[in-house]
Protein backbone atom coordinates (compact mmCIF):
# COMPACT_ATOMS: atom_id res chain seq x y z
CA VAL A 1 -99.44 39.87 -149.88
CA GLU A 2 -98.08 39.16 -146.41
CA HIS A 3 -98.85 42.83 -145.49
CA ALA A 4 -102.56 42.52 -146.35
CA ALA A 5 -102.52 39.06 -144.31
CA ARG A 6 -101.21 40.66 -141.47
CA LEU A 7 -103.70 43.53 -141.53
CA VAL A 8 -106.52 41.03 -141.67
CA ARG A 9 -105.12 39.04 -138.75
CA ALA A 10 -104.44 42.35 -136.51
CA ARG A 11 -108.13 42.90 -137.06
CA GLY A 12 -109.20 39.60 -135.86
CA GLY A 13 -110.08 38.22 -139.24
CA ARG A 14 -108.91 35.12 -141.15
CA ILE A 15 -108.19 34.72 -144.84
CA ALA A 16 -110.65 31.60 -146.02
CA ASN A 17 -109.37 31.32 -149.48
CA ALA A 18 -107.44 33.13 -152.19
CA ASP A 19 -108.02 33.53 -156.12
CA ILE A 20 -105.16 34.89 -157.98
CA THR A 21 -105.07 35.53 -161.84
CA LEU A 22 -101.78 36.29 -163.35
CA ILE A 23 -101.71 38.21 -166.66
CA CYS A 24 -98.61 37.66 -168.84
CA GLU A 25 -97.66 36.79 -171.95
CA ALA A 26 -94.58 34.75 -170.73
CA PRO A 27 -93.46 32.55 -168.71
CA ARG A 28 -95.94 29.92 -168.85
CA VAL A 29 -97.19 29.69 -165.18
CA GLY A 30 -97.89 25.78 -165.34
CA PRO A 31 -94.52 24.89 -164.53
CA HIS A 32 -94.46 27.20 -161.41
CA ARG A 33 -97.81 26.87 -159.87
CA GLU A 34 -97.14 24.12 -157.27
CA ALA A 35 -94.23 26.24 -156.02
CA MET A 36 -96.62 29.63 -156.20
CA THR A 37 -99.13 27.79 -154.27
CA GLU A 38 -97.01 26.48 -151.54
CA THR A 39 -95.39 29.78 -151.15
CA LEU A 40 -98.85 31.43 -150.74
CA SER A 41 -100.13 28.86 -148.36
CA GLU A 42 -97.22 29.59 -146.03
CA MET A 43 -97.72 33.49 -146.57
CA LEU A 44 -101.41 33.19 -145.82
CA ALA A 45 -101.44 30.52 -143.23
CA ILE A 46 -104.24 28.53 -145.21
CA SER A 47 -104.17 25.07 -146.73
CA ARG A 48 -103.18 24.70 -150.33
CA ASP A 49 -106.69 23.66 -151.61
CA ARG A 50 -107.89 26.97 -150.73
CA ILE A 51 -105.68 28.87 -153.03
CA SER A 52 -106.35 28.89 -156.90
CA ILE A 53 -103.67 30.33 -159.26
CA LYS A 54 -104.40 30.65 -163.07
CA ALA A 55 -103.25 32.91 -165.75
CA THR A 56 -104.18 34.60 -168.92
CA THR A 57 -102.65 36.82 -171.49
CA ASN A 58 -103.28 40.37 -172.61
CA GLU A 59 -103.50 39.55 -176.18
CA LYS A 60 -100.30 41.42 -176.91
CA LEU A 61 -101.75 44.54 -175.65
CA GLY A 62 -100.01 47.25 -173.57
CA PHE A 63 -96.80 46.66 -171.43
CA VAL A 64 -97.90 43.10 -170.62
CA GLY A 65 -98.51 42.36 -174.20
CA ARG A 66 -94.98 43.80 -175.17
CA GLU A 67 -93.64 41.43 -172.48
CA GLU A 68 -92.22 44.63 -170.46
CA GLY A 69 -94.06 43.20 -167.10
CA ILE A 70 -96.61 41.07 -165.68
CA ALA A 71 -99.94 42.15 -163.77
CA ALA A 72 -101.90 40.08 -161.09
CA ILE A 73 -105.47 40.37 -159.86
CA ALA A 74 -105.74 38.85 -156.30
CA THR A 75 -109.14 38.44 -154.46
CA ALA A 76 -109.26 36.73 -150.95
CA SER A 77 -112.45 35.98 -148.71
CA VAL A 78 -111.91 37.10 -145.38
CA VAL A 79 -113.95 36.15 -142.30
CA PHE A 80 -114.14 37.87 -139.14
CA PRO A 81 -115.68 36.59 -135.78
CA GLY A 82 -119.26 36.47 -135.86
CA ASP A 83 -119.52 36.82 -139.50
CA VAL A 84 -120.19 33.09 -140.48
CA PRO A 85 -120.21 29.80 -138.15
CA GLU A 86 -116.87 27.92 -138.63
């Protein structure tokens, strides 16, 4: 995540918001959501209200379903100068 944010900044852009979906059977994300949001806010240099973190399961399928690991999907809106007014 930090590397991607550096690449965006190096090209003159900024991250407008981020949406993260964690795919895991365990642990439950709820108790960790605030800490994760705070860490991502610092990493991406955006306010916490511009970050969405949610979770889903893989319905017991694959390595995620067997609790051998977790997966994540991260999407960010990136704005470059001249693209849209601030």
